[in-house]
Amino acid sequence: MQNQLRPNQAEIQFLTLAYNRFYDIFTEVMADSFWEKDSWYRFSKAKHGFGVYSELLNYEPLRCVLENMKISRPPMESEIARELFKFIRNVIIHFPFFDKWDDIWVNQSLVNWHKDSQFIDKFVKKYKGKETVKYRFWEGNKKRMTYLSIHFPKHYEDDTKIYLKDLLSEREGVTFAFILMKKVLDTQVLSIDGQ
């Protein structure tokens, strides 16, 4: 019975490291001064944030949260919090050729250079041509409402480049992504030390 308690010791160790890292990056990304830093620095922090979040989604209770979001939250929010953010993470990790958000692109031949029908390929095929999803988010400490749109690719042929900046703009998109990722992660937090 003791081994079935969640989280177990290994999970606590992983979750502590991952949550601390994500929250540190989140705090930095949410500061207006972050957006004054050079594009490579901003990209590096975003890359690490998406990476930590994607690894955290291996924790079963978080997968359950995303499943519940399909029925309890606005349309597409669960898919964005899981599939879109995993797509972004995979593009950044598997194609480490770029130094800033606005330069990142993939196309069908690049995505399938080694093996067809992996996650990135399946994601683009699934969402190609889907309507734009519009969001707004409120940053209470800044008294600011931000509006953004998520644009799915219209085409997916061999040479058609799909830029991340066209799916999700850097500043508004990354800020929104981190807010939504934190919202998902916060569902498993009972308290934060020091607060």
C-alpha atoms as a PDB file:
ATOM      1  CA  MET A   1       0.000   0.000   0.000  1.00  0.00           C
ATOM      2  CA  GLN A   2       2.828   2.403   0.856  1.00  0.00           C
ATOM      3  CA  ASN A   3       4.264   2.151  -2.701  1.00  0.00           C
ATOM      4  CA  GLN A   4       0.942   3.230  -4.199  1.00  0.00           C
ATOM      5  CA  LEU A   5       0.752   6.603  -2.459  1.00  0.00           C
ATOM      6  CA  ARG A   6       1.084   9.555  -4.830  1.00  0.00           C
ATOM      7  CA  PRO A   7       3.418  11.228  -5.105  1.00  0.00           C
ATOM      8  CA  ASN A   8       6.006   8.609  -4.191  1.00  0.00           C
ATOM      9  CA  GLN A   9       9.584   9.542  -3.191  1.00  0.00           C
ATOM     10  CA  ALA A  10      10.952   9.484  -6.754  1.00  0.00           C
ATOM     11  CA  GLU A  11       8.049  11.628  -7.938  1.00  0.00           C
ATOM     12  CA  ILE A  12       8.562  14.086  -5.072  1.00  0.00           C
ATOM     13  CA  GLN A  13      12.215  14.484  -6.013  1.00  0.00           C
ATOM     14  CA  PHE A  14      11.407  15.020  -9.695  1.00  0.00           C
ATOM     15  CA  LEU A  15       8.398  17.256  -9.052  1.00  0.00           C
ATOM     16  CA  THR A  16      10.312  19.450  -6.598  1.00  0.00           C
ATOM     17  CA  LEU A  17      13.146  20.053  -9.058  1.00  0.00           C
ATOM     18  CA  ALA A  18      10.843  20.532 -12.041  1.00  0.00           C
ATOM     19  CA  TYR A  19       8.338  22.803 -10.306  1.00  0.00           C
ATOM     20  CA  ASN A  20      11.075  24.964  -8.801  1.00  0.00           C
ATOM     21  CA  ARG A  21      12.717  25.354 -12.202  1.00  0.00           C
ATOM     22  CA  PHE A  22       9.434  26.126 -13.967  1.00  0.00           C
ATOM     23  CA  TYR A  23       8.356  28.685 -11.352  1.00  0.00           C
ATOM     24  CA  ASP A  24      11.751  30.405 -11.520  1.00  0.00           C
ATOM     25  CA  ILE A  25      11.464  30.713 -15.310  1.00  0.00           C
ATOM     26  CA  PHE A  26       7.812  31.767 -15.050  1.00  0.00           C
ATOM     27  CA  THR A  27       8.698  34.602 -12.657  1.00  0.00           C
ATOM     28  CA  GLU A  28      11.379  35.827 -15.024  1.00  0.00           C
ATOM     29  CA  VAL A  29       9.218  35.595 -18.168  1.00  0.00           C
ATOM     30  CA  MET A  30       6.381  37.509 -16.529  1.00  0.00           C
ATOM     31  CA  ALA A  31       8.592  40.509 -15.723  1.00  0.00           C
ATOM     32  CA  ASP A  32       8.466  43.302 -18.307  1.00  0.00           C
ATOM     33  CA  SER A  33      12.260  43.567 -18.075  1.00  0.00           C
ATOM     34  CA  PHE A  34      12.545  40.040 -19.495  1.00  0.00           C
ATOM     35  CA  TRP A  35      11.343  41.329 -22.868  1.00  0.00           C
ATOM     36  CA  GLU A  36      14.172  43.874 -22.974  1.00  0.00           C
ATOM     37  CA  LYS A  37      16.790  41.100 -22.937  1.00  0.00           C
ATOM     38  CA  ASP A  38      18.291  39.869 -26.200  1.00  0.00           C
ATOM     39  CA  SER A  39      16.319  37.431 -28.355  1.00  0.00           C
ATOM     40  CA  TRP A  40      18.669  34.473 -27.750  1.00  0.00           C
ATOM     41  CA  TYR A  41      18.300  34.805 -23.977  1.00  0.00           C
ATOM     42  CA  ARG A  42      14.496  35.012 -24.213  1.00  0.00           C
ATOM     43  CA  PHE A  43      14.435  32.015 -26.539  1.00  0.00           C
ATOM     44  CA  SER A  44      16.644  29.977 -24.179  1.00  0.00           C
ATOM     45  CA  LYS A  45      14.352  30.619 -21.222  1.00  0.00           C
ATOM     46  CA  ALA A  46      11.226  29.820 -23.254  1.00  0.00           C
ATOM     47  CA  LYS A  47      12.856  26.610 -24.493  1.00  0.00           C
ATOM     48  CA  HIS A  48      13.644  25.510 -20.947  1.00  0.00           C
ATOM     49  CA  GLY A  49      10.151  26.381 -19.731  1.00  0.00           C
ATOM     50  CA  PHE A  50       8.459  24.360 -22.480  1.00  0.00           C
ATOM     51  CA  GLY A  51      10.890  21.508 -21.826  1.00  0.00           C
ATOM     52  CA  VAL A  52      10.234  21.354 -18.079  1.00  0.00           C
ATOM     53  CA  TYR A  53       6.467  21.578 -18.615  1.00  0.00           C
ATOM     54  CA  SER A  54       6.526  18.759 -21.183  1.00  0.00           C
ATOM     55  CA  GLU A  55       8.441  16.515 -18.793  1.00  0.00           C
ATOM     56  CA  LEU A  56       5.989  17.309 -16.003  1.00  0.00           C
ATOM     57  CA  LEU A  57       3.116  16.116 -18.201  1.00  0.00           C
ATOM     58  CA  ASN A  58       4.450  12.583 -17.693  1.00  0.00           C
ATOM     59  CA  TYR A  59       3.066  12.818 -14.145  1.00  0.00           C
ATOM     60  CA  GLU A  60      -0.287  11.017 -14.286  1.00  0.00           C
ATOM     61  CA  PRO A  61      -2.314  13.471 -12.156  1.00  0.00           C
ATOM     62  CA  LEU A  62      -1.413  16.276 -14.600  1.00  0.00           C
ATOM     63  CA  ARG A  63      -2.585  14.167 -17.543  1.00  0.00           C
ATOM     64  CA  CYS A  64      -5.890  13.734 -15.675  1.00  0.00           C
ATOM     65  CA  VAL A  65      -6.133  17.522 -15.269  1.00  0.00           C
ATOM     66  CA  LEU A  66      -5.748  17.965 -19.030  1.00  0.00           C
ATOM     67  CA  GLU A  67      -8.421  15.334 -19.703  1.00  0.00           C
ATOM     68  CA  ASN A  68     -10.796  17.128 -17.341  1.00  0.00           C
ATOM     69  CA  MET A  69     -10.068  20.449 -19.083  1.00  0.00           C
ATOM     70  CA  LYS A  70     -11.672  19.029 -22.238  1.00  0.00           C
ATOM     71  CA  ILE A  71     -15.069  19.167 -20.551  1.00  0.00           C
ATOM     72  CA  SER A  72     -14.626  21.919 -17.963  1.00  0.00           C
ATOM     73  CA  ARG A  73     -12.732  24.632 -19.843  1.00  0.00           C
ATOM     74  CA  PRO A  74     -13.245  26.575 -23.088  1.00  0.00           C
ATOM     75  CA  PRO A  75     -12.902  24.673 -26.368  1.00  0.00           C
ATOM     76  CA  MET A  76      -9.337  23.798 -27.403  1.00  0.00           C
ATOM     77  CA  GLU A  77      -7.761  24.831 -24.078  1.00  0.00           C
ATOM     78  CA  SER A  78      -6.770  21.261 -23.193  1.00  0.00           C
ATOM     79  CA  GLU A  79      -5.426  20.621 -26.689  1.00  0.00           C
ATOM     80  CA  ILE A  80      -3.394  23.821 -26.553  1.00  0.00           C
ATOM     81  CA  ALA A  81      -2.080  23.057 -23.056  1.00  0.00           C
ATOM     82  CA  ARG A  82      -1.025  19.579 -24.130  1.00  0.00           C
ATOM     83  CA  GLU A  83      -0.570  19.174 -27.872  1.00  0.00           C
ATOM     84  CA  LEU A  84       0.407  22.678 -29.005  1.00  0.00           C
ATOM     85  CA  PHE A  85       2.902  23.151 -26.194  1.00  0.00           C
ATOM     86  CA  LYS A  86       4.360  19.683 -26.830  1.00  0.00           C
ATOM     87  CA  PHE A  87       4.608  20.551 -30.527  1.00  0.00           C
ATOM     88  CA  ILE A  88       6.523  23.742 -29.681  1.00  0.00           C
ATOM     89  CA  ARG A  89       8.820  21.858 -27.309  1.00  0.00           C
ATOM     90  CA  ASN A  90       9.502  19.140 -29.872  1.00  0.00           C
ATOM     91  CA  VAL A  91      10.242  21.612 -32.666  1.00  0.00           C
ATOM     92  CA  ILE A  92      12.664  23.516 -30.425  1.00  0.00           C
ATOM     93  CA  ILE A  93      14.399  20.368 -29.147  1.00  0.00           C
ATOM     94  CA  HIS A  94      14.529  18.281 -32.335  1.00  0.00           C
ATOM     95  CA  PHE A  95      15.550  21.141 -34.625  1.00  0.00           C
ATOM     96  CA  PRO A  96      18.099  23.098 -32.546  1.00  0.00           C
ATOM     97  CA  PHE A  97      19.214  25.269 -35.443  1.00  0.00           C
ATOM     98  CA  PHE A  98      17.704  28.570 -34.380  1.00  0.00           C
ATOM     99  CA  ASP A  99      18.708  31.305 -31.958  1.00  0.00           C
ATOM    100  CA  LYS A 100      15.450  33.199 -31.613  1.00  0.00           C
ATOM    101  CA  TRP A 101      11.718  32.565 -31.596  1.00  0.00           C
ATOM    102  CA  ASP A 102      10.950  34.455 -34.807  1.00  0.00           C
ATOM    103  CA  ASP A 103      13.397  32.351 -36.856  1.00  0.00           C
ATOM    104  CA  ILE A 104      12.082  28.887 -35.911  1.00  0.00           C
ATOM    105  CA  TRP A 105      10.398  26.998 -38.723  1.00  0.00           C
ATOM    106  CA  VAL A 106       9.738  23.480 -39.943  1.00  0.00           C
ATOM    107  CA  ASN A 107       8.271  22.017 -43.088  1.00  0.00           C
ATOM    108  CA  GLN A 108       7.052  18.562 -43.993  1.00  0.00           C
ATOM    109  CA  SER A 109      10.291  17.322 -45.506  1.00  0.00           C
ATOM    110  CA  LEU A 110      12.345  18.577 -42.536  1.00  0.00           C
ATOM    111  CA  VAL A 111       9.938  17.098 -39.991  1.00  0.00           C
ATOM    112  CA  ASN A 112      10.070  13.712 -41.728  1.00  0.00           C
ATOM    113  CA  TRP A 113      13.761  13.730 -42.693  1.00  0.00           C
ATOM    114  CA  HIS A 114      14.452  10.663 -40.562  1.00  0.00           C
ATOM    115  CA  LYS A 115      11.092   8.996 -39.961  1.00  0.00           C
ATOM    116  CA  ASP A 116       7.514   9.754 -40.996  1.00  0.00           C
ATOM    117  CA  SER A 117       4.527  10.198 -38.722  1.00  0.00           C
ATOM    118  CA  GLN A 118       6.212  11.302 -35.523  1.00  0.00           C
ATOM    119  CA  PHE A 119       4.489  13.736 -33.125  1.00  0.00           C
ATOM    120  CA  ILE A 120       5.290  16.966 -34.988  1.00  0.00           C
ATOM    121  CA  ASP A 121       4.036  15.533 -38.284  1.00  0.00           C
ATOM    122  CA  LYS A 122       0.859  14.163 -36.681  1.00  0.00           C
ATOM    123  CA  PHE A 123       0.183  17.463 -34.914  1.00  0.00           C
ATOM    124  CA  VAL A 124       0.440  19.552 -38.078  1.00  0.00           C
ATOM    125  CA  LYS A 125      -1.698  17.094 -40.072  1.00  0.00           C
ATOM    126  CA  LYS A 126      -4.338  17.081 -37.308  1.00  0.00           C
ATOM    127  CA  TYR A 127      -4.546  20.867 -36.924  1.00  0.00           C
ATOM    128  CA  LYS A 128      -3.754  22.041 -40.453  1.00  0.00           C
ATOM    129  CA  GLY A 129      -6.502  24.356 -41.634  1.00  0.00           C
ATOM    130  CA  LYS A 130      -8.199  24.635 -38.224  1.00  0.00           C
ATOM    131  CA  GLU A 131      -9.721  27.976 -37.413  1.00  0.00           C
ATOM    132  CA  THR A 132      -7.834  30.579 -35.434  1.00  0.00           C
ATOM    133  CA  VAL A 133      -8.291  30.330 -31.673  1.00  0.00           C
ATOM    134  CA  LYS A 134      -8.524  33.664 -29.881  1.00  0.00           C
ATOM    135  CA  TYR A 135      -7.616  34.208 -26.258  1.00  0.00           C
ATOM    136  CA  ARG A 136      -7.279  36.991 -23.794  1.00  0.00           C
ATOM    137  CA  PHE A 137      -5.550  36.974 -20.457  1.00  0.00           C
ATOM    138  CA  TRP A 138      -5.474  39.365 -17.562  1.00  0.00           C
ATOM    139  CA  GLU A 139      -2.269  40.210 -15.740  1.00  0.00           C
ATOM    140  CA  GLY A 140      -3.656  41.568 -12.478  1.00  0.00           C
ATOM    141  CA  ASN A 141      -0.384  42.888 -11.111  1.00  0.00           C
ATOM    142  CA  LYS A 142       0.093  44.934 -14.291  1.00  0.00           C
ATOM    143  CA  LYS A 143      -3.579  45.827 -14.748  1.00  0.00           C
ATOM    144  CA  ARG A 144      -3.294  44.701 -18.355  1.00  0.00           C
ATOM    145  CA  MET A 145      -5.518  42.617 -20.634  1.00  0.00           C
ATOM    146  CA  THR A 146      -3.707  41.009 -23.543  1.00  0.00           C
ATOM    147  CA  TYR A 147      -5.363  39.564 -26.630  1.00  0.00           C
ATOM    148  CA  LEU A 148      -3.763  36.994 -28.876  1.00  0.00           C
ATOM    149  CA  SER A 149      -4.592  34.570 -31.637  1.00  0.00           C
ATOM    150  CA  ILE A 150      -3.281  31.087 -32.275  1.00  0.00           C
ATOM    151  CA  HIS A 151      -3.068  30.496 -36.005  1.00  0.00           C
ATOM    152  CA  PHE A 152      -2.796  26.910 -37.153  1.00  0.00           C
ATOM    153  CA  PRO A 153      -0.967  26.222 -40.425  1.00  0.00           C
ATOM    154  CA  LYS A 154      -3.055  26.537 -43.578  1.00  0.00           C
ATOM    155  CA  HIS A 155      -0.827  24.226 -45.623  1.00  0.00           C
ATOM    156  CA  TYR A 156       1.601  21.411 -44.967  1.00  0.00           C
ATOM    157  CA  GLU A 157       3.517  20.493 -48.069  1.00  0.00           C
ATOM    158  CA  ASP A 158       7.201  19.605 -48.499  1.00  0.00           C
ATOM    159  CA  ASP A 159       8.580  23.131 -48.836  1.00  0.00           C
ATOM    160  CA  THR A 160       5.956  25.214 -47.026  1.00  0.00           C
ATOM    161  CA  LYS A 161       7.644  26.691 -43.965  1.00  0.00           C
ATOM    162  CA  ILE A 162       5.636  26.782 -40.753  1.00  0.00           C
ATOM    163  CA  TYR A 163       7.023  29.480 -38.469  1.00  0.00           C
ATOM    164  CA  LEU A 164       6.386  29.344 -34.719  1.00  0.00           C
ATOM    165  CA  LYS A 165       5.900  33.123 -34.758  1.00  0.00           C
ATOM    166  CA  ASP A 166       2.938  32.617 -37.113  1.00  0.00           C
ATOM    167  CA  LEU A 167       1.319  30.093 -34.773  1.00  0.00           C
ATOM    168  CA  LEU A 168       2.050  32.014 -31.600  1.00  0.00           C
ATOM    169  CA  SER A 169       3.743  35.418 -31.388  1.00  0.00           C
ATOM    170  CA  GLU A 170       6.765  35.605 -29.145  1.00  0.00           C
ATOM    171  CA  ARG A 171       5.848  38.074 -26.396  1.00  0.00           C
ATOM    172  CA  GLU A 172       2.089  37.593 -26.155  1.00  0.00           C
ATOM    173  CA  GLY A 173       2.246  33.921 -27.122  1.00  0.00           C
ATOM    174  CA  VAL A 174       5.012  32.907 -24.751  1.00  0.00           C
ATOM    175  CA  THR A 175       3.440  34.906 -21.919  1.00  0.00           C
ATOM    176  CA  PHE A 176       0.078  33.220 -22.562  1.00  0.00           C
ATOM    177  CA  ALA A 177       1.730  29.790 -22.779  1.00  0.00           C
ATOM    178  CA  PHE A 178       3.488  30.256 -19.450  1.00  0.00           C
ATOM    179  CA  ILE A 179       0.281  31.468 -17.781  1.00  0.00           C
ATOM    180  CA  LEU A 180      -1.651  28.441 -19.069  1.00  0.00           C
ATOM    181  CA  MET A 181       1.154  26.028 -18.197  1.00  0.00           C
ATOM    182  CA  LYS A 182       1.308  27.447 -14.663  1.00  0.00           C
ATOM    183  CA  LYS A 183      -2.455  27.148 -14.354  1.00  0.00           C
ATOM    184  CA  VAL A 184      -2.212  23.433 -15.190  1.00  0.00           C
ATOM    185  CA  LEU A 185       0.756  22.864 -12.885  1.00  0.00           C
ATOM    186  CA  ASP A 186      -0.797  24.773  -9.975  1.00  0.00           C
ATOM    187  CA  THR A 187      -3.567  22.164  -9.751  1.00  0.00           C
ATOM    188  CA  GLN A 188      -1.097  19.855  -7.987  1.00  0.00           C
ATOM    189  CA  VAL A 189       0.337  22.386  -5.537  1.00  0.00           C
ATOM    190  CA  LEU A 190      -0.997  22.445  -1.990  1.00  0.00           C
ATOM    191  CA  SER A 191       1.311  25.194  -0.752  1.00  0.00           C
ATOM    192  CA  ILE A 192       4.483  27.025  -1.711  1.00  0.00           C
ATOM    193  CA  ASP A 193       7.187  27.352   0.939  1.00  0.00           C
ATOM    194  CA  GLY A 194       7.946  30.914   1.890  1.00  0.00           C
ATOM    195  CA  GLN A 195       4.513  32.265   0.996  1.00  0.00           C
END
